[in-house]
Amino acid sequence: MCVLLVAIVSAPLSSSAQRHSLERYSLEDGLPQSQVQDVIQGECGYLWFALLGGGLVQFDGHIFTAFTSADGLPSDLITALH
C-alpha cells in the first residue's frame, strides 16, 4: 500500500520536470495582427494562430503566412483551433 501511494504521489512530479520554452511574437516579428484568439502546433511543427478579424496565420519558425477570406476562408473571424 505504501509503495503504491509513493508511485501515485511522485508521478506528477516526474511529469512536471519537462522543460518548456516560451516565445513572444509581435507585429514587429511579422505577426499581421495582435488579437490572437488561439494557438496550436500542427503535426509538421508549424504554429497556427487564430486571429480575431485577421484570419488564420501559419508560422514556420521564420515567416508568418496569413490566410483570409480573400484566400477562400469563409470568415476572417477565427476564435478557436482544434
PDB file of N, CA and C in Angstrom:
ATOM      1  N   MET A   1       0.830  -1.185   0.000  1.00  0.00           N
ATOM      2  CA  MET A   1       0.000   0.000   0.000  1.00  0.00           C
ATOM      3  C   MET A   1       0.875   1.250   0.000  1.00  0.00           C
ATOM      4  N   CYS A   2       1.933   1.262   0.780  1.00  0.00           N
ATOM      5  CA  CYS A   2       2.815   2.417   0.863  1.00  0.00           C
ATOM      6  C   CYS A   2       3.531   2.655  -0.460  1.00  0.00           C
ATOM      7  N   VAL A   3       3.941   1.609  -1.138  1.00  0.00           N
ATOM      8  CA  VAL A   3       4.637   1.732  -2.418  1.00  0.00           C
ATOM      9  C   VAL A   3       3.718   2.332  -3.468  1.00  0.00           C
ATOM     10  N   LEU A   4       2.475   1.914  -3.505  1.00  0.00           N
ATOM     11  CA  LEU A   4       1.509   2.437  -4.457  1.00  0.00           C
ATOM     12  C   LEU A   4       1.276   3.920  -4.212  1.00  0.00           C
ATOM     13  N   LEU A   5       1.177   4.318  -2.973  1.00  0.00           N
ATOM     14  CA  LEU A   5       0.966   5.721  -2.635  1.00  0.00           C
ATOM     15  C   LEU A   5       2.145   6.571  -3.089  1.00  0.00           C
ATOM     16  N   VAL A   6       3.353   6.104  -2.900  1.00  0.00           N
ATOM     17  CA  VAL A   6       4.541   6.836  -3.329  1.00  0.00           C
ATOM     18  C   VAL A   6       4.560   6.969  -4.844  1.00  0.00           C
ATOM     19  N   ALA A   7       4.199   5.922  -5.554  1.00  0.00           N
ATOM     20  CA  ALA A   7       4.177   5.972  -7.015  1.00  0.00           C
ATOM     21  C   ALA A   7       3.145   6.974  -7.508  1.00  0.00           C
ATOM     22  N   ILE A   8       1.999   7.002  -6.893  1.00  0.00           N
ATOM     23  CA  ILE A   8       0.953   7.945  -7.296  1.00  0.00           C
ATOM     24  C   ILE A   8       1.361   9.373  -6.977  1.00  0.00           C
ATOM     25  N   VAL A   9       1.945   9.594  -5.822  1.00  0.00           N
ATOM     26  CA  VAL A   9       2.358  10.939  -5.427  1.00  0.00           C
ATOM     27  C   VAL A   9       3.525  11.430  -6.272  1.00  0.00           C
ATOM     28  N   SER A  10       4.449  10.563  -6.631  1.00  0.00           N
ATOM     29  CA  SER A  10       5.621  11.003  -7.378  1.00  0.00           C
ATOM     30  C   SER A  10       5.361  11.114  -8.880  1.00  0.00           C
ATOM     31  N   ALA A  11       4.296  10.538  -9.389  1.00  0.00           N
ATOM     32  CA  ALA A  11       4.007  10.608 -10.828  1.00  0.00           C
ATOM     33  C   ALA A  11       3.863  12.042 -11.325  1.00  0.00           C
ATOM     34  N   PRO A  12       3.113  12.907 -10.652  1.00  0.00           N
ATOM     35  CA  PRO A  12       3.025  14.286 -11.141  1.00  0.00           C
ATOM     36  C   PRO A  12       4.355  15.032 -11.076  1.00  0.00           C
ATOM     37  N   LEU A  13       5.211  14.672 -10.147  1.00  0.00           N
ATOM     38  CA  LEU A  13       6.495  15.348 -10.033  1.00  0.00           C
ATOM     39  C   LEU A  13       7.384  15.055 -11.231  1.00  0.00           C
ATOM     40  N   SER A  14       7.374  13.816 -11.704  1.00  0.00           N
ATOM     41  CA  SER A  14       8.225  13.478 -12.840  1.00  0.00           C
ATOM     42  C   SER A  14       7.717  14.123 -14.123  1.00  0.00           C
ATOM     43  N   SER A  15       6.422  14.261 -14.284  1.00  0.00           N
ATOM     44  CA  SER A  15       5.897  14.890 -15.495  1.00  0.00           C
ATOM     45  C   SER A  15       6.090  16.403 -15.466  1.00  0.00           C
ATOM     46  N   SER A  16       6.199  16.994 -14.290  1.00  0.00           N
ATOM     47  CA  SER A  16       6.387  18.441 -14.219  1.00  0.00           C
ATOM     48  C   SER A  16       7.849  18.839 -14.418  1.00  0.00           C
ATOM     49  N   ALA A  17       8.735  17.871 -14.549  1.00  0.00           N
ATOM     50  CA  ALA A  17      10.150  18.173 -14.747  1.00  0.00           C
ATOM     51  C   ALA A  17      10.479  18.455 -16.209  1.00  0.00           C
ATOM     52  N   GLN A  18       9.478  18.417 -17.101  1.00  0.00           N
ATOM     53  CA  GLN A  18       9.714  18.710 -18.512  1.00  0.00           C
ATOM     54  C   GLN A  18      10.106  20.167 -18.674  1.00  0.00           C
ATOM     55  N   ARG A  19      10.967  20.420 -19.647  1.00  0.00           N
ATOM     56  CA  ARG A  19      11.388  21.785 -19.915  1.00  0.00           C
ATOM     57  C   ARG A  19      10.542  22.350 -21.041  1.00  0.00           C
ATOM     58  N   HIS A  20      10.087  23.567 -20.860  1.00  0.00           N
ATOM     59  CA  HIS A  20       9.287  24.259 -21.860  1.00  0.00           C
ATOM     60  C   HIS A  20       9.928  25.607 -22.140  1.00  0.00           C
ATOM     61  N   SER A  21       9.771  26.060 -23.365  1.00  0.00           N
ATOM     62  CA  SER A  21      10.262  27.399 -23.685  1.00  0.00           C
ATOM     63  C   SER A  21       9.080  28.250 -24.118  1.00  0.00           C
ATOM     64  N   LEU A  22       9.222  29.527 -23.949  1.00  0.00           N
ATOM     65  CA  LEU A  22       8.164  30.470 -24.284  1.00  0.00           C
ATOM     66  C   LEU A  22       8.736  31.528 -25.209  1.00  0.00           C
ATOM     67  N   GLU A  23       8.094  31.718 -26.335  1.00  0.00           N
ATOM     68  CA  GLU A  23       8.493  32.753 -27.284  1.00  0.00           C
ATOM     69  C   GLU A  23       7.365  33.757 -27.392  1.00  0.00           C
ATOM     70  N   ARG A  24       7.718  34.998 -27.570  1.00  0.00           N
ATOM     71  CA  ARG A  24       6.725  36.055 -27.754  1.00  0.00           C
ATOM     72  C   ARG A  24       6.879  36.604 -29.166  1.00  0.00           C
ATOM     73  N   TYR A  25       5.775  36.640 -29.917  1.00  0.00           N
ATOM     74  CA  TYR A  25       5.773  37.178 -31.273  1.00  0.00           C
ATOM     75  C   TYR A  25       4.886  38.415 -31.303  1.00  0.00           C
ATOM     76  N   SER A  26       5.322  39.403 -32.050  1.00  0.00           N
ATOM     77  CA  SER A  26       4.585  40.662 -32.115  1.00  0.00           C
ATOM     78  C   SER A  26       4.481  41.131 -33.561  1.00  0.00           C
ATOM     79  N   LEU A  27       3.881  42.285 -33.747  1.00  0.00           N
ATOM     80  CA  LEU A  27       3.776  42.880 -35.076  1.00  0.00           C
ATOM     81  C   LEU A  27       5.160  43.118 -35.665  1.00  0.00           C
ATOM     82  N   GLU A  28       6.122  43.460 -34.838  1.00  0.00           N
ATOM     83  CA  GLU A  28       7.487  43.704 -35.298  1.00  0.00           C
ATOM     84  C   GLU A  28       8.139  42.432 -35.855  1.00  0.00           C
ATOM     85  N   ASP A  29       7.681  41.270 -35.374  1.00  0.00           N
ATOM     86  CA  ASP A  29       8.211  39.988 -35.852  1.00  0.00           C
ATOM     87  C   ASP A  29       7.528  39.514 -37.134  1.00  0.00           C
ATOM     88  N   GLY A  30       6.451  40.192 -37.522  1.00  0.00           N
ATOM     89  CA  GLY A  30       5.735  39.821 -38.737  1.00  0.00           C
ATOM     90  C   GLY A  30       4.338  39.285 -38.514  1.00  0.00           C
ATOM     91  N   LEU A  31       3.933  39.127 -37.254  1.00  0.00           N
ATOM     92  CA  LEU A  31       2.563  38.706 -36.972  1.00  0.00           C
ATOM     93  C   LEU A  31       1.631  39.798 -37.488  1.00  0.00           C
ATOM     94  N   PRO A  32       0.672  39.466 -38.375  1.00  0.00           N
ATOM     95  CA  PRO A  32      -0.112  40.513 -39.023  1.00  0.00           C
ATOM     96  C   PRO A  32      -1.092  41.249 -38.118  1.00  0.00           C
ATOM     97  N   GLN A  33      -1.418  40.689 -36.972  1.00  0.00           N
ATOM     98  CA  GLN A  33      -2.378  41.317 -36.068  1.00  0.00           C
ATOM     99  C   GLN A  33      -2.084  40.859 -34.650  1.00  0.00           C
ATOM    100  N   SER A  34      -2.400  41.699 -33.675  1.00  0.00           N
ATOM    101  CA  SER A  34      -2.076  41.367 -32.287  1.00  0.00           C
ATOM    102  C   SER A  34      -3.219  40.692 -31.537  1.00  0.00           C
ATOM    103  N   GLN A  35      -4.399  40.582 -32.125  1.00  0.00           N
ATOM    104  CA  GLN A  35      -5.545  39.976 -31.435  1.00  0.00           C
ATOM    105  C   GLN A  35      -5.598  38.472 -31.712  1.00  0.00           C
ATOM    106  N   VAL A  36      -4.735  37.737 -31.040  1.00  0.00           N
ATOM    107  CA  VAL A  36      -4.646  36.285 -31.203  1.00  0.00           C
ATOM    108  C   VAL A  36      -5.647  35.631 -30.255  1.00  0.00           C
ATOM    109  N   GLN A  37      -6.505  34.787 -30.815  1.00  0.00           N
ATOM    110  CA  GLN A  37      -7.532  34.102 -30.032  1.00  0.00           C
ATOM    111  C   GLN A  37      -7.109  32.704 -29.596  1.00  0.00           C
ATOM    112  N   ASP A  38      -6.294  32.043 -30.421  1.00  0.00           N
ATOM    113  CA  ASP A  38      -5.891  30.674 -30.115  1.00  0.00           C
ATOM    114  C   ASP A  38      -4.604  30.360 -30.874  1.00  0.00           C
ATOM    115  N   VAL A  39      -3.820  29.439 -30.350  1.00  0.00           N
ATOM    116  CA  VAL A  39      -2.587  28.989 -30.998  1.00  0.00           C
ATOM    117  C   VAL A  39      -2.489  27.480 -30.817  1.00  0.00           C
ATOM    118  N   ILE A  40      -2.137  26.786 -31.898  1.00  0.00           N
ATOM    119  CA  ILE A  40      -1.854  25.356 -31.796  1.00  0.00           C
ATOM    120  C   ILE A  40      -0.596  25.052 -32.604  1.00  0.00           C
ATOM    121  N   GLN A  41       0.010  23.912 -32.311  1.00  0.00           N
ATOM    122  CA  GLN A  41       1.136  23.442 -33.108  1.00  0.00           C
ATOM    123  C   GLN A  41       0.672  22.222 -33.883  1.00  0.00           C
ATOM    124  N   GLY A  42       0.805  22.282 -35.206  1.00  0.00           N
ATOM    125  CA  GLY A  42       0.376  21.193 -36.071  1.00  0.00           C
ATOM    126  C   GLY A  42       1.358  20.038 -36.072  1.00  0.00           C
ATOM    127  N   GLU A  43       0.981  18.967 -36.751  1.00  0.00           N
ATOM    128  CA  GLU A  43       1.794  17.754 -36.797  1.00  0.00           C
ATOM    129  C   GLU A  43       3.160  17.988 -37.437  1.00  0.00           C
ATOM    130  N   CYS A  44       3.257  18.925 -38.368  1.00  0.00           N
ATOM    131  CA  CYS A  44       4.531  19.221 -39.042  1.00  0.00           C
ATOM    132  C   CYS A  44       5.385  20.218 -38.265  1.00  0.00           C
ATOM    133  N   GLY A  45       4.877  20.679 -37.113  1.00  0.00           N
ATOM    134  CA  GLY A  45       5.636  21.599 -36.284  1.00  0.00           C
ATOM    135  C   GLY A  45       5.297  23.062 -36.481  1.00  0.00           C
ATOM    136  N   TYR A  46       4.471  23.367 -37.485  1.00  0.00           N
ATOM    137  CA  TYR A  46       4.085  24.764 -37.703  1.00  0.00           C
ATOM    138  C   TYR A  46       3.184  25.247 -36.575  1.00  0.00           C
ATOM    139  N   LEU A  47       3.302  26.524 -36.237  1.00  0.00           N
ATOM    140  CA  LEU A  47       2.362  27.150 -35.320  1.00  0.00           C
ATOM    141  C   LEU A  47       1.244  27.765 -36.140  1.00  0.00           C
ATOM    142  N   TRP A  48       0.009  27.622 -35.665  1.00  0.00           N
ATOM    143  CA  TRP A  48      -1.161  28.197 -36.315  1.00  0.00           C
ATOM    144  C   TRP A  48      -1.827  29.147 -35.333  1.00  0.00           C
ATOM    145  N   PHE A  49      -2.081  30.372 -35.786  1.00  0.00           N
ATOM    146  CA  PHE A  49      -2.680  31.410 -34.960  1.00  0.00           C
ATOM    147  C   PHE A  49      -4.074  31.732 -35.488  1.00  0.00           C
ATOM    148  N   ALA A  50      -5.065  31.740 -34.612  1.00  0.00           N
ATOM    149  CA  ALA A  50      -6.407  32.202 -34.960  1.00  0.00           C
ATOM    150  C   ALA A  50      -6.478  33.675 -34.582  1.00  0.00           C
ATOM    151  N   LEU A  51      -6.748  34.527 -35.567  1.00  0.00           N
ATOM    152  CA  LEU A  51      -6.786  35.967 -35.329  1.00  0.00           C
ATOM    153  C   LEU A  51      -8.219  36.470 -35.403  1.00  0.00           C
ATOM    154  N   LEU A  52      -8.591  37.304 -34.469  1.00  0.00           N
ATOM    155  CA  LEU A  52      -9.929  37.878 -34.437  1.00  0.00           C
ATOM    156  C   LEU A  52     -10.021  38.960 -35.505  1.00  0.00           C
ATOM    157  N   GLY A  53     -10.576  38.598 -36.646  1.00  0.00           N
ATOM    158  CA  GLY A  53     -10.701  39.536 -37.757  1.00  0.00           C
ATOM    159  C   GLY A  53      -9.534  39.495 -38.721  1.00  0.00           C
ATOM    160  N   GLY A  54      -8.526  38.686 -38.428  1.00  0.00           N
ATOM    161  CA  GLY A  54      -7.345  38.623 -39.279  1.00  0.00           C
ATOM    162  C   GLY A  54      -7.131  37.283 -39.948  1.00  0.00           C
ATOM    163  N   GLY A  55      -8.090  36.360 -39.786  1.00  0.00           N
ATOM    164  CA  GLY A  55      -7.980  35.062 -40.433  1.00  0.00           C
ATOM    165  C   GLY A  55      -7.103  34.082 -39.671  1.00  0.00           C
ATOM    166  N   LEU A  56      -6.419  33.258 -40.433  1.00  0.00           N
ATOM    167  CA  LEU A  56      -5.575  32.191 -39.907  1.00  0.00           C
ATOM    168  C   LEU A  56      -4.141  32.459 -40.339  1.00  0.00           C
ATOM    169  N   VAL A  57      -3.190  32.282 -39.428  1.00  0.00           N
ATOM    170  CA  VAL A  57      -1.788  32.548 -39.745  1.00  0.00           C
ATOM    171  C   VAL A  57      -0.961  31.312 -39.428  1.00  0.00           C
ATOM    172  N   GLN A  58      -0.099  30.953 -40.365  1.00  0.00           N
ATOM    173  CA  GLN A  58       0.838  29.842 -40.190  1.00  0.00           C
ATOM    174  C   GLN A  58       2.226  30.434 -39.958  1.00  0.00           C
ATOM    175  N   PHE A  59       2.952  29.861 -38.993  1.00  0.00           N
ATOM    176  CA  PHE A  59       4.316  30.299 -38.714  1.00  0.00           C
ATOM    177  C   PHE A  59       5.227  29.090 -38.791  1.00  0.00           C
ATOM    178  N   ASP A  60       6.228  29.158 -39.676  1.00  0.00           N
ATOM    179  CA  ASP A  60       7.141  28.029 -39.874  1.00  0.00           C
ATOM    180  C   ASP A  60       8.428  28.147 -39.067  1.00  0.00           C
ATOM    181  N   GLY A  61       8.484  29.124 -38.193  1.00  0.00           N
ATOM    182  CA  GLY A  61       9.693  29.362 -37.407  1.00  0.00           C
ATOM    183  C   GLY A  61      10.461  30.570 -37.900  1.00  0.00           C
ATOM    184  N   HIS A  62      10.129  31.011 -39.116  1.00  0.00           N
ATOM    185  CA  HIS A  62      10.797  32.170 -39.705  1.00  0.00           C
ATOM    186  C   HIS A  62       9.817  33.174 -40.310  1.00  0.00           C
ATOM    187  N   ILE A  63       8.795  32.663 -41.004  1.00  0.00           N
ATOM    188  CA  ILE A  63       7.884  33.519 -41.765  1.00  0.00           C
ATOM    189  C   ILE A  63       6.442  33.269 -41.343  1.00  0.00           C
ATOM    190  N   PHE A  64       5.685  34.357 -41.159  1.00  0.00           N
ATOM    191  CA  PHE A  64       4.255  34.291 -40.916  1.00  0.00           C
ATOM    192  C   PHE A  64       3.541  34.357 -42.263  1.00  0.00           C
ATOM    193  N   THR A  65       2.621  33.425 -42.507  1.00  0.00           N
ATOM    194  CA  THR A  65       1.823  33.413 -43.734  1.00  0.00           C
ATOM    195  C   THR A  65       0.357  33.500 -43.344  1.00  0.00           C
ATOM    196  N   ALA A  66      -0.326  34.545 -43.810  1.00  0.00           N
ATOM    197  CA  ALA A  66      -1.727  34.776 -43.450  1.00  0.00           C
ATOM    198  C   ALA A  66      -2.661  34.194 -44.500  1.00  0.00           C
ATOM    199  N   PHE A  67      -3.771  33.628 -44.024  1.00  0.00           N
ATOM    200  CA  PHE A  67      -4.852  33.136 -44.872  1.00  0.00           C
ATOM    201  C   PHE A  67      -6.125  33.837 -44.417  1.00  0.00           C
ATOM    202  N   THR A  68      -6.810  34.490 -45.343  1.00  0.00           N
ATOM    203  CA  THR A  68      -8.008  35.261 -45.012  1.00  0.00           C
ATOM    204  C   THR A  68      -9.157  34.858 -45.929  1.00  0.00           C
ATOM    205  N   SER A  69     -10.265  35.573 -45.799  1.00  0.00           N
ATOM    206  CA  SER A  69     -11.414  35.310 -46.672  1.00  0.00           C
ATOM    207  C   SER A  69     -11.054  35.565 -48.133  1.00  0.00           C
ATOM    208  N   ALA A  70     -10.101  36.434 -48.396  1.00  0.00           N
ATOM    209  CA  ALA A  70      -9.644  36.669 -49.771  1.00  0.00           C
ATOM    210  C   ALA A  70      -8.961  35.427 -50.350  1.00  0.00           C
ATOM    211  N   ASP A  71      -8.470  34.542 -49.460  1.00  0.00           N
ATOM    212  CA  ASP A  71      -7.828  33.293 -49.884  1.00  0.00           C
ATOM    213  C   ASP A  71      -8.796  32.116 -49.894  1.00  0.00           C
ATOM    214  N   GLY A  72     -10.048  32.366 -49.522  1.00  0.00           N
ATOM    215  CA  GLY A  72     -11.049  31.305 -49.544  1.00  0.00           C
ATOM    216  C   GLY A  72     -11.613  30.899 -48.198  1.00  0.00           C
ATOM    217  N   LEU A  73     -11.111  31.462 -47.097  1.00  0.00           N
ATOM    218  CA  LEU A  73     -11.709  31.149 -45.798  1.00  0.00           C
ATOM    219  C   LEU A  73     -13.133  31.703 -45.767  1.00  0.00           C
ATOM    220  N   PRO A  74     -14.061  31.003 -45.122  1.00  0.00           N
ATOM    221  CA  PRO A  74     -15.430  31.510 -45.057  1.00  0.00           C
ATOM    222  C   PRO A  74     -15.560  32.793 -44.238  1.00  0.00           C
ATOM    223  N   SER A  75     -14.624  33.033 -43.324  1.00  0.00           N
ATOM    224  CA  SER A  75     -14.673  34.227 -42.478  1.00  0.00           C
ATOM    225  C   SER A  75     -13.270  34.546 -41.973  1.00  0.00           C
ATOM    226  N   ASP A  76     -13.048  35.815 -41.663  1.00  0.00           N
ATOM    227  CA  ASP A  76     -11.781  36.224 -41.051  1.00  0.00           C
ATOM    228  C   ASP A  76     -11.851  36.186 -39.526  1.00  0.00           C
ATOM    229  N   LEU A  77     -13.023  35.917 -38.973  1.00  0.00           N
ATOM    230  CA  LEU A  77     -13.199  35.826 -37.524  1.00  0.00           C
ATOM    231  C   LEU A  77     -12.982  34.382 -37.082  1.00  0.00           C
ATOM    232  N   ILE A  78     -11.799  34.094 -36.608  1.00  0.00           N
ATOM    233  CA  ILE A  78     -11.469  32.746 -36.139  1.00  0.00           C
ATOM    234  C   ILE A  78     -11.189  32.837 -34.647  1.00  0.00           C
ATOM    235  N   THR A  79     -11.940  32.061 -33.876  1.00  0.00           N
ATOM    236  CA  THR A  79     -11.812  32.156 -32.423  1.00  0.00           C
ATOM    237  C   THR A  79     -11.181  30.930 -31.775  1.00  0.00           C
ATOM    238  N   ALA A  80     -11.158  29.798 -32.474  1.00  0.00           N
ATOM    239  CA  ALA A  80     -10.602  28.584 -31.871  1.00  0.00           C
ATOM    240  C   ALA A  80     -10.031  27.672 -32.947  1.00  0.00           C
ATOM    241  N   LEU A  81      -9.007  26.935 -32.575  1.00  0.00           N
ATOM    242  CA  LEU A  81      -8.380  25.953 -33.456  1.00  0.00           C
ATOM    243  C   LEU A  81      -8.414  24.601 -32.759  1.00  0.00           C
ATOM    244  N   HIS A  82      -8.543  23.534 -33.531  1.00  0.00           N
ATOM    245  CA  HIS A  82      -8.608  22.183 -32.942  1.00  0.00           C
ATOM    246  C   HIS A  82      -7.608  21.280 -33.607  1.00  0.00           C
TER     247      HIS A  82
END
